[in-house]
C-alpha atoms as a PDB file:
ATOM      1  CA  MET A   1      14.170   1.068 -22.402  1.00  0.00           C
ATOM      2  CA  PRO A   2      11.825   3.200 -20.260  1.00  0.00           C
ATOM      3  CA  GLU A   3       8.874   1.606 -18.570  1.00  0.00           C
ATOM      4  CA  VAL A   4       5.536   2.757 -19.963  1.00  0.00           C
ATOM      5  CA  LEU A   5       2.591   2.954 -17.609  1.00  0.00           C
ATOM      6  CA  THR A   6      -0.862   2.855 -19.120  1.00  0.00           C
ATOM      7  CA  ALA A   7      -4.320   3.311 -17.603  1.00  0.00           C
ATOM      8  CA  GLU A   8      -4.455  -0.414 -16.824  1.00  0.00           C
ATOM      9  CA  HIS A   9      -1.346  -0.034 -14.610  1.00  0.00           C
ATOM     10  CA  GLN A  10      -2.928   2.619 -12.405  1.00  0.00           C
ATOM     11  CA  PRO A  11      -3.909   0.809  -9.241  1.00  0.00           C
ATOM     12  CA  GLY A  12      -5.471   3.769  -7.459  1.00  0.00           C
ATOM     13  CA  ASN A  13      -5.220   7.341  -6.439  1.00  0.00           C
ATOM     14  CA  LEU A  14      -3.788   8.830  -3.304  1.00  0.00           C
ATOM     15  CA  LYS A  15      -6.164  10.733  -1.060  1.00  0.00           C
ATOM     16  CA  THR A  16      -4.666  14.105  -0.236  1.00  0.00           C
ATOM     17  CA  ALA A  17      -5.784  13.985   3.418  1.00  0.00           C
ATOM     18  CA  ALA A  18      -3.826  10.856   4.361  1.00  0.00           C
ATOM     19  CA  PRO A  19      -1.038  10.144   1.865  1.00  0.00           C
ATOM     20  CA  ARG A  20       0.810   7.598   3.997  1.00  0.00           C
ATOM     21  CA  SER A  21      -2.184   5.400   4.738  1.00  0.00           C
ATOM     22  CA  THR A  22      -4.311   5.430   1.589  1.00  0.00           C
ATOM     23  CA  GLY A  23      -3.801   4.638  -2.026  1.00  0.00           C
ATOM     24  CA  THR A  24      -1.578   2.321  -3.964  1.00  0.00           C
ATOM     25  CA  PRO A  25       1.540   3.749  -5.574  1.00  0.00           C
ATOM     26  CA  LEU A  26       1.505   4.332  -9.310  1.00  0.00           C
ATOM     27  CA  ILE A  27       5.214   3.414  -9.169  1.00  0.00           C
ATOM     28  CA  GLY A  28       6.533   1.694  -6.044  1.00  0.00           C
ATOM     29  CA  ALA A  29       9.798   2.566  -4.275  1.00  0.00           C
ATOM     30  CA  HIS A  30      11.498  -0.722  -5.201  1.00  0.00           C
ATOM     31  CA  ARG A  31      10.595  -0.304  -8.873  1.00  0.00           C
ATOM     32  CA  ILE A  32      11.936   3.276  -8.850  1.00  0.00           C
ATOM     33  CA  SER A  33      15.176   2.123  -7.226  1.00  0.00           C
ATOM     34  CA  ARG A  34      15.729  -0.610  -9.822  1.00  0.00           C
ATOM     35  CA  ARG A  35      15.072   1.784 -12.708  1.00  0.00           C
ATOM     36  CA  VAL A  36      17.317   4.539 -11.327  1.00  0.00           C
ATOM     37  CA  HIS A  37      20.167   2.048 -10.917  1.00  0.00           C
ATOM     38  CA  ARG A  38      19.710   0.883 -14.524  1.00  0.00           C
ATOM     39  CA  LEU A  39      19.770   4.523 -15.665  1.00  0.00           C
ATOM     40  CA  GLY A  40      22.970   5.046 -13.670  1.00  0.00           C
ATOM     41  CA  ARG A  41      24.646   2.150 -15.459  1.00  0.00           C
ATOM     42  CA  GLU A  42      23.411   3.408 -18.844  1.00  0.00           C
ATOM     43  CA  ILE A  43      24.663   6.951 -18.175  1.00  0.00           C
ATOM     44  CA  SER A  44      28.013   5.676 -16.858  1.00  0.00           C
ATOM     45  CA  SER A  45      28.459   3.608 -20.008  1.00  0.00           C
ATOM     46  CA  THR A  46      27.595   6.571 -22.244  1.00  0.00           C
ATOM     47  CA  TYR A  47      30.121   8.859 -20.549  1.00  0.00           C
ATOM     48  CA  GLU A  48      32.822   6.273 -19.854  1.00  0.00           C
ATOM     49  CA  GLY A  49      36.246   7.677 -20.713  1.00  0.00           C
ATOM     50  CA  ILE A  50      35.448  11.407 -20.583  1.00  0.00           C
ATOM     51  CA  ASP A  51      38.360  13.581 -19.379  1.00  0.00           C
ATOM     52  CA  THR A  52      36.525  15.525 -16.671  1.00  0.00           C
ATOM     53  CA  PRO A  53      33.763  14.592 -14.238  1.00  0.00           C
ATOM     54  CA  LEU A  54      30.250  14.614 -15.655  1.00  0.00           C
ATOM     55  CA  VAL A  55      28.307  17.693 -14.530  1.00  0.00           C
ATOM     56  CA  LEU A  56      24.776  16.947 -13.348  1.00  0.00           C
ATOM     57  CA  VAL A  57      22.667  20.097 -13.597  1.00  0.00           C
ATOM     58  CA  VAL A  58      19.727  19.376 -11.328  1.00  0.00           C
ATOM     59  CA  ILE A  59      16.462  21.228 -11.898  1.00  0.00           C
ATOM     60  CA  LEU A  60      15.187  22.145  -8.438  1.00  0.00           C
ATOM     61  CA  LYS A  61      13.320  21.278  -6.391  1.00  0.00           C
ATOM     62  CA  GLY A  62      11.553  18.229  -7.774  1.00  0.00           C
ATOM     63  CA  ALA A  63      14.595  16.455  -9.224  1.00  0.00           C
ATOM     64  CA  THR A  64      16.683  16.477  -6.027  1.00  0.00           C
ATOM     65  CA  VAL A  65      15.699  13.025  -4.770  1.00  0.00           C
ATOM     66  CA  PHE A  66      16.106  11.495  -8.232  1.00  0.00           C
ATOM     67  CA  ALA A  67      19.462  13.251  -8.757  1.00  0.00           C
ATOM     68  CA  ALA A  68      20.836  12.061  -5.401  1.00  0.00           C
ATOM     69  CA  ASP A  69      19.923   8.441  -6.109  1.00  0.00           C
ATOM     70  CA  LEU A  70      21.099   8.703  -9.715  1.00  0.00           C
ATOM     71  CA  MET A  71      24.463  10.160  -8.714  1.00  0.00           C
ATOM     72  CA  ARG A  72      25.034   7.340  -6.204  1.00  0.00           C
ATOM     73  CA  SER A  73      24.342   4.794  -8.952  1.00  0.00           C
ATOM     74  CA  LEU A  74      26.985   6.220 -11.307  1.00  0.00           C
ATOM     75  CA  THR A  75      30.323   4.464 -11.716  1.00  0.00           C
ATOM     76  CA  ILE A  76      32.022   7.572 -13.129  1.00  0.00           C
ATOM     77  CA  PRO A  77      33.066  10.809 -11.384  1.00  0.00           C
ATOM     78  CA  ALA A  78      30.348  13.465 -11.312  1.00  0.00           C
ATOM     79  CA  GLU A  79      29.748  16.978  -9.983  1.00  0.00           C
ATOM     80  CA  LEU A  80      26.517  18.758  -9.080  1.00  0.00           C
ATOM     81  CA  GLU A  81      25.156  22.120 -10.165  1.00  0.00           C
ATOM     82  CA  PHE A  82      21.621  23.406  -9.670  1.00  0.00           C
ATOM     83  CA  VAL A  83      19.066  25.600 -11.391  1.00  0.00           C
ATOM     84  CA  ARG A  84      15.704  26.477  -9.946  1.00  0.00           C
ATOM     85  CA  ALA A  85      12.684  26.424 -12.251  1.00  0.00           C
ATOM     86  CA  ALA A  86       9.043  26.904 -11.346  1.00  0.00           C
ATOM     87  CA  SER A  87       5.830  26.904 -13.349  1.00  0.00           C
ATOM     88  CA  TYR A  88       3.140  25.049 -11.359  1.00  0.00           C
ATOM     89  CA  GLY A  89       2.662  27.223  -8.283  1.00  0.00           C
ATOM     90  CA  ALA A  90      -0.080  25.563  -6.217  1.00  0.00           C
ATOM     91  CA  GLY A  91      -1.858  24.056  -9.240  1.00  0.00           C
ATOM     92  CA  THR A  92      -1.648  20.770 -11.081  1.00  0.00           C
ATOM     93  CA  SER A  93      -0.936  22.198 -14.532  1.00  0.00           C
ATOM     94  CA  SER A  94       1.850  24.403 -15.850  1.00  0.00           C
ATOM     95  CA  GLN A  95      -0.147  25.516 -18.877  1.00  0.00           C
ATOM     96  CA  GLY A  96      -0.266  29.286 -19.276  1.00  0.00           C
ATOM     97  CA  ARG A  97       1.882  30.040 -16.231  1.00  0.00           C
ATOM     98  CA  PRO A  98       5.115  31.951 -16.787  1.00  0.00           C
ATOM     99  CA  LEU A  99       8.273  29.892 -16.345  1.00  0.00           C
ATOM    100  CA  ARG A 100      10.767  31.261 -13.827  1.00  0.00           C
ATOM    101  CA  LEU A 101      14.441  30.252 -13.892  1.00  0.00           C
ATOM    102  CA  ALA A 102      16.717  31.307 -11.043  1.00  0.00           C
ATOM    103  CA  GLY A 103      20.083  30.394  -9.557  1.00  0.00           C
ATOM    104  CA  MET A 104      21.617  29.382 -12.840  1.00  0.00           C
ATOM    105  CA  VAL A 105      24.787  27.263 -12.749  1.00  0.00           C
ATOM    106  CA  GLU A 106      27.709  28.893 -10.945  1.00  0.00           C
ATOM    107  CA  GLY A 107      30.591  26.801 -12.267  1.00  0.00           C
ATOM    108  CA  THR A 108      31.981  26.879 -15.768  1.00  0.00           C
ATOM    109  CA  LEU A 109      30.462  24.438 -18.243  1.00  0.00           C
ATOM    110  CA  VAL A 110      32.672  25.286 -21.216  1.00  0.00           C
ATOM    111  CA  ASP A 111      33.853  22.031 -22.808  1.00  0.00           C
ATOM    112  CA  ARG A 112      32.285  19.979 -19.988  1.00  0.00           C
ATOM    113  CA  HIS A 113      29.879  17.082 -20.478  1.00  0.00           C
ATOM    114  CA  VAL A 114      26.538  18.112 -18.956  1.00  0.00           C
ATOM    115  CA  LEU A 115      23.534  16.022 -18.007  1.00  0.00           C
ATOM    116  CA  LEU A 116      20.354  17.922 -17.142  1.00  0.00           C
ATOM    117  CA  VAL A 117      18.406  16.037 -14.462  1.00  0.00           C
ATOM    118  CA  GLU A 118      14.647  16.615 -14.416  1.00  0.00           C
ATOM    119  CA  ASP A 119      11.929  14.996 -12.316  1.00  0.00           C
ATOM    120  CA  ILE A 120       9.196  15.103 -14.966  1.00  0.00           C
ATOM    121  CA  VAL A 121       8.981  16.327 -18.550  1.00  0.00           C
ATOM    122  CA  ASP A 122       5.430  17.550 -18.917  1.00  0.00           C
ATOM    123  CA  SER A 123       4.793  20.422 -21.343  1.00  0.00           C
ATOM    124  CA  GLY A 124       8.509  20.408 -22.160  1.00  0.00           C
ATOM    125  CA  ARG A 125       8.830  24.132 -21.479  1.00  0.00           C
ATOM    126  CA  THR A 126      11.124  23.832 -18.450  1.00  0.00           C
ATOM    127  CA  ALA A 127      13.526  21.303 -19.976  1.00  0.00           C
ATOM    128  CA  ASP A 128      13.648  23.302 -23.218  1.00  0.00           C
ATOM    129  CA  ALA A 129      14.319  26.619 -21.432  1.00  0.00           C
ATOM    130  CA  VAL A 130      17.065  25.164 -19.232  1.00  0.00           C
ATOM    131  CA  ARG A 131      18.628  23.337 -22.187  1.00  0.00           C
ATOM    132  CA  LYS A 132      18.745  26.566 -24.221  1.00  0.00           C
ATOM    133  CA  ARG A 133      20.252  28.492 -21.313  1.00  0.00           C
ATOM    134  CA  VAL A 134      22.895  25.829 -20.582  1.00  0.00           C
ATOM    135  CA  SER A 135      23.808  25.410 -24.260  1.00  0.00           C
ATOM    136  CA  LYS A 136      24.859  29.092 -24.299  1.00  0.00           C
ATOM    137  CA  LEU A 137      27.567  28.124 -21.780  1.00  0.00           C
ATOM    138  CA  LYS A 138      29.204  25.987 -24.515  1.00  0.00           C
ATOM    139  CA  PRO A 139      29.334  22.497 -22.978  1.00  0.00           C
ATOM    140  CA  ALA A 140      31.093  19.671 -24.840  1.00  0.00           C
ATOM    141  CA  SER A 141      27.824  17.729 -24.767  1.00  0.00           C
ATOM    142  CA  LEU A 142      24.367  18.276 -23.320  1.00  0.00           C
ATOM    143  CA  ARG A 143      21.863  15.511 -22.596  1.00  0.00           C
ATOM    144  CA  LEU A 144      18.676  15.151 -20.556  1.00  0.00           C
ATOM    145  CA  ALA A 145      17.737  12.534 -17.954  1.00  0.00           C
ATOM    146  CA  ALA A 146      14.129  12.542 -16.748  1.00  0.00           C
ATOM    147  CA  LEU A 147      12.616  10.248 -14.178  1.00  0.00           C
ATOM    148  CA  LEU A 148       9.132  10.686 -15.657  1.00  0.00           C
ATOM    149  CA  ASP A 149       7.866  11.524 -19.124  1.00  0.00           C
ATOM    150  CA  ARG A 150       4.227  12.619 -19.504  1.00  0.00           C
ATOM    151  CA  PRO A 151       3.935  13.142 -23.285  1.00  0.00           C
ATOM    152  CA  ALA A 152       0.158  13.775 -23.223  1.00  0.00           C
ATOM    153  CA  ARG A 153       0.790  17.371 -22.095  1.00  0.00           C
ATOM    154  CA  ARG A 154       3.748  18.138 -24.368  1.00  0.00           C
ATOM    155  CA  THR A 155       3.642  21.554 -26.042  1.00  0.00           C
ATOM    156  CA  VAL A 156       7.378  21.877 -26.758  1.00  0.00           C
ATOM    157  CA  GLU A 157       9.246  18.993 -28.363  1.00  0.00           C
ATOM    158  CA  VAL A 158      12.040  17.791 -26.078  1.00  0.00           C
ATOM    159  CA  HIS A 159      14.463  14.923 -26.639  1.00  0.00           C
ATOM    160  CA  ILE A 160      14.937  12.823 -23.486  1.00  0.00           C
ATOM    161  CA  ASP A 161      18.188  10.860 -23.630  1.00  0.00           C
ATOM    162  CA  PHE A 162      17.674   8.861 -20.430  1.00  0.00           C
ATOM    163  CA  ARG A 163      14.034   8.198 -19.436  1.00  0.00           C
ATOM    164  CA  GLY A 164      12.857   6.395 -16.334  1.00  0.00           C
ATOM    165  CA  PHE A 165       9.126   5.900 -16.881  1.00  0.00           C
ATOM    166  CA  THR A 166       6.510   7.112 -19.329  1.00  0.00           C
ATOM    167  CA  ILE A 167       3.299   7.871 -17.439  1.00  0.00           C
ATOM    168  CA  PRO A 168      -0.292   8.662 -18.411  1.00  0.00           C
ATOM    169  CA  ASP A 169      -1.821  12.113 -18.055  1.00  0.00           C
ATOM    170  CA  ARG A 170      -2.072  12.160 -14.254  1.00  0.00           C
ATOM    171  CA  PHE A 171      -0.705  14.654 -11.736  1.00  0.00           C
ATOM    172  CA  VAL A 172       1.832  12.785  -9.622  1.00  0.00           C
ATOM    173  CA  ILE A 173       3.485  13.311  -6.245  1.00  0.00           C
ATOM    174  CA  GLY A 174       6.182  11.630  -4.196  1.00  0.00           C
ATOM    175  CA  TYR A 175       9.867  10.837  -4.680  1.00  0.00           C
ATOM    176  CA  GLY A 176      10.622  14.561  -4.852  1.00  0.00           C
ATOM    177  CA  LEU A 177       7.518  15.625  -6.789  1.00  0.00           C
ATOM    178  CA  ASP A 178       5.100  17.817  -4.891  1.00  0.00           C
ATOM    179  CA  TYR A 179       1.712  19.426  -4.735  1.00  0.00           C
ATOM    180  CA  ALA A 180       1.997  22.966  -3.273  1.00  0.00           C
ATOM    181  CA  GLY A 181       5.264  21.959  -1.577  1.00  0.00           C
ATOM    182  CA  LEU A 182       3.870  18.804   0.056  1.00  0.00           C
ATOM    183  CA  TYR A 183       4.485  15.054  -0.401  1.00  0.00           C
ATOM    184  CA  ARG A 184       8.095  15.218  -1.683  1.00  0.00           C
ATOM    185  CA  GLU A 185       9.124  12.827   1.119  1.00  0.00           C
ATOM    186  CA  LEU A 186       6.984   9.918  -0.085  1.00  0.00           C
ATOM    187  CA  PRO A 187       9.248   7.045  -1.225  1.00  0.00           C
ATOM    188  CA  ALA A 188       6.961   6.063  -4.112  1.00  0.00           C
ATOM    189  CA  ILE A 189       5.075   7.972  -6.827  1.00  0.00           C
ATOM    190  CA  TYR A 190       1.323   8.422  -6.450  1.00  0.00           C
ATOM    191  CA  SER A 191      -1.400   9.825  -8.677  1.00  0.00           C
ATOM    192  CA  LEU A 192      -3.024  12.762  -6.890  1.00  0.00           C
ATOM    193  CA  SER A 193      -6.810  12.671  -6.946  1.00  0.00           C
END
């Protein structure tokens, strides 16, 4: 069951000038770690007994930290593939910006079990576009794992099979998520003010 964060759970915002010294995390590092490990167990259970290693297709760049921790928490064999998707640029909203997909999967996915790994499902456009593209490669199964779900901005309906946290309509950074390329290194997730 994903954790749902409401307005009451938002302890503060991070000041962009001093991210390491100000603000309280929206989701702390320990809480993220516990949830990612639970997701790893859930995913391992779902795919237990498959004939070939699970293929994690990681949506770059934001999902890299999540994917690395998730892969280490699996108890089944897994491989990595990557696709790069971008829609935010230097802003805090993807609305109206064209979605760019590049570096699509190099290995074969025919008859393989595939798990898309996304940092945040926002409008749903990125996850939907990657899912459609990967499904053309004829995998045996195709599911989606997302660390964060922000349904308030959804414009395209997307089914998330493995969800870490549901968050309110706030722009977030840290744990791989960025603002204009910055703050990915933060160990927790902060709301950018």
